[in-house]
């Protein structure tokens, strides 16, 4: 896939396709358990300093830190 980037660099109200979750630890395992694989994700809101993101994935809302989102590689949907 071309044009891969980490989700924390994404724009609000735009859908992205999750390609891969990087890392080799419990955070990666938890993201995969939450369904962060081969699906679309949309950034709905961000905190003032973009440290926390509200995303919609598989029909549910999730608040997640920027450090975790930086591990999620996406492309434009």
C-alpha atoms as a PDB file:
ATOM      1  CA  UNK A   1       0.000   0.000   0.000  1.00  0.00           C
ATOM      2  CA  UNK A   2       1.181   3.489  -0.720  1.00  0.00           C
ATOM      3  CA  UNK A   3       0.602   6.617   1.346  1.00  0.00           C
ATOM      4  CA  UNK A   4       0.651   4.896   4.756  1.00  0.00           C
ATOM      5  CA  UNK A   5       0.778   7.178   7.778  1.00  0.00           C
ATOM      6  CA  UNK A   6       0.035   6.964  11.484  1.00  0.00           C
ATOM      7  CA  UNK A   7      -3.521   7.747  12.519  1.00  0.00           C
ATOM      8  CA  UNK A   8      -2.498  10.538  14.895  1.00  0.00           C
ATOM      9  CA  UNK A   9      -1.631  12.554  11.763  1.00  0.00           C
ATOM     10  CA  UNK A  10      -5.178  12.177  10.390  1.00  0.00           C
ATOM     11  CA  UNK A  11      -7.827  14.849   9.997  1.00  0.00           C
ATOM     12  CA  UNK A  12     -11.122  15.158  11.845  1.00  0.00           C
ATOM     13  CA  UNK A  13     -14.308  13.880  10.170  1.00  0.00           C
ATOM     14  CA  UNK A  14     -12.412  11.797   7.632  1.00  0.00           C
ATOM     15  CA  UNK A  15     -12.454   7.992   7.307  1.00  0.00           C
ATOM     16  CA  UNK A  16      -9.310   5.906   7.048  1.00  0.00           C
ATOM     17  CA  UNK A  17      -8.633   2.219   6.469  1.00  0.00           C
ATOM     18  CA  UNK A  18      -6.516   0.526   9.121  1.00  0.00           C
ATOM     19  CA  UNK A  19      -3.671  -1.417   7.541  1.00  0.00           C
ATOM     20  CA  UNK A  20      -1.434  -2.421  10.437  1.00  0.00           C
ATOM     21  CA  UNK A  21      -0.783  -1.944  14.150  1.00  0.00           C
ATOM     22  CA  UNK A  22       2.927  -1.686  14.953  1.00  0.00           C
ATOM     23  CA  UNK A  23       4.757  -2.788  18.074  1.00  0.00           C
ATOM     24  CA  UNK A  24       5.191  -6.040  19.908  1.00  0.00           C
ATOM     25  CA  UNK A  25       3.590  -5.606  23.311  1.00  0.00           C
ATOM     26  CA  UNK A  26       0.350  -5.556  25.291  1.00  0.00           C
ATOM     27  CA  UNK A  27      -0.801  -2.255  23.751  1.00  0.00           C
ATOM     28  CA  UNK A  28      -0.721  -3.793  20.272  1.00  0.00           C
ATOM     29  CA  UNK A  29      -2.598  -6.848  21.561  1.00  0.00           C
ATOM     30  CA  UNK A  30      -5.253  -4.649  23.182  1.00  0.00           C
ATOM     31  CA  UNK A  31      -5.749  -2.569  20.019  1.00  0.00           C
ATOM     32  CA  UNK A  32      -6.144  -5.749  17.981  1.00  0.00           C
ATOM     33  CA  UNK A  33      -8.640  -7.102  20.531  1.00  0.00           C
ATOM     34  CA  UNK A  34     -10.636  -3.867  20.168  1.00  0.00           C
ATOM     35  CA  UNK A  35     -10.913  -4.510  16.428  1.00  0.00           C
ATOM     36  CA  UNK A  36      -8.120  -2.308  15.052  1.00  0.00           C
ATOM     37  CA  UNK A  37      -7.519  -4.499  12.011  1.00  0.00           C
ATOM     38  CA  UNK A  38      -8.774  -4.345   8.407  1.00  0.00           C
ATOM     39  CA  UNK A  39     -11.614  -1.892   9.011  1.00  0.00           C
ATOM     40  CA  UNK A  40     -12.430   1.780   8.665  1.00  0.00           C
ATOM     41  CA  UNK A  41     -11.892   4.291  11.444  1.00  0.00           C
ATOM     42  CA  UNK A  42     -12.971   7.913  11.709  1.00  0.00           C
ATOM     43  CA  UNK A  43     -11.558  10.685  13.910  1.00  0.00           C
ATOM     44  CA  UNK A  44     -14.510  12.578  15.379  1.00  0.00           C
ATOM     45  CA  UNK A  45     -12.887  14.988  17.854  1.00  0.00           C
ATOM     46  CA  UNK A  46      -9.542  15.840  19.399  1.00  0.00           C
ATOM     47  CA  UNK A  47      -8.551  17.517  22.632  1.00  0.00           C
ATOM     48  CA  UNK A  48      -7.138  21.041  22.531  1.00  0.00           C
ATOM     49  CA  UNK A  49      -3.516  19.867  22.238  1.00  0.00           C
ATOM     50  CA  UNK A  50      -4.379  16.742  20.176  1.00  0.00           C
ATOM     51  CA  UNK A  51      -3.322  14.453  23.018  1.00  0.00           C
ATOM     52  CA  UNK A  52      -6.621  12.527  23.152  1.00  0.00           C
ATOM     53  CA  UNK A  53      -8.737  11.519  20.164  1.00  0.00           C
ATOM     54  CA  UNK A  54     -12.354  10.408  19.955  1.00  0.00           C
ATOM     55  CA  UNK A  55     -12.661   7.840  17.175  1.00  0.00           C
ATOM     56  CA  UNK A  56     -15.453   5.743  15.731  1.00  0.00           C
ATOM     57  CA  UNK A  57     -14.564   2.169  14.882  1.00  0.00           C
ATOM     58  CA  UNK A  58     -16.921  -0.718  14.093  1.00  0.00           C
ATOM     59  CA  UNK A  59     -19.914   1.306  15.300  1.00  0.00           C
ATOM     60  CA  UNK A  60     -18.607   2.276  18.726  1.00  0.00           C
ATOM     61  CA  UNK A  61     -16.847   5.360  20.098  1.00  0.00           C
ATOM     62  CA  UNK A  62     -13.449   5.194  21.757  1.00  0.00           C
ATOM     63  CA  UNK A  63     -11.290   7.847  23.405  1.00  0.00           C
ATOM     64  CA  UNK A  64      -7.649   6.991  22.868  1.00  0.00           C
ATOM     65  CA  UNK A  65      -4.300   8.666  23.538  1.00  0.00           C
ATOM     66  CA  UNK A  66      -2.133  10.036  20.770  1.00  0.00           C
ATOM     67  CA  UNK A  67       0.744   7.681  21.701  1.00  0.00           C
ATOM     68  CA  UNK A  68      -1.443   4.649  21.007  1.00  0.00           C
ATOM     69  CA  UNK A  69      -2.839   6.093  17.766  1.00  0.00           C
ATOM     70  CA  UNK A  70       0.669   6.758  16.493  1.00  0.00           C
ATOM     71  CA  UNK A  71       1.091   2.970  16.291  1.00  0.00           C
ATOM     72  CA  UNK A  72      -1.903   2.497  13.978  1.00  0.00           C
ATOM     73  CA  UNK A  73      -0.929   2.719  10.294  1.00  0.00           C
ATOM     74  CA  UNK A  74      -3.717   3.785   7.937  1.00  0.00           C
ATOM     75  CA  UNK A  75      -4.357   4.912   4.375  1.00  0.00           C
ATOM     76  CA  UNK A  76      -7.191   6.979   2.906  1.00  0.00           C
ATOM     77  CA  UNK A  77     -10.426   5.004   2.669  1.00  0.00           C
END
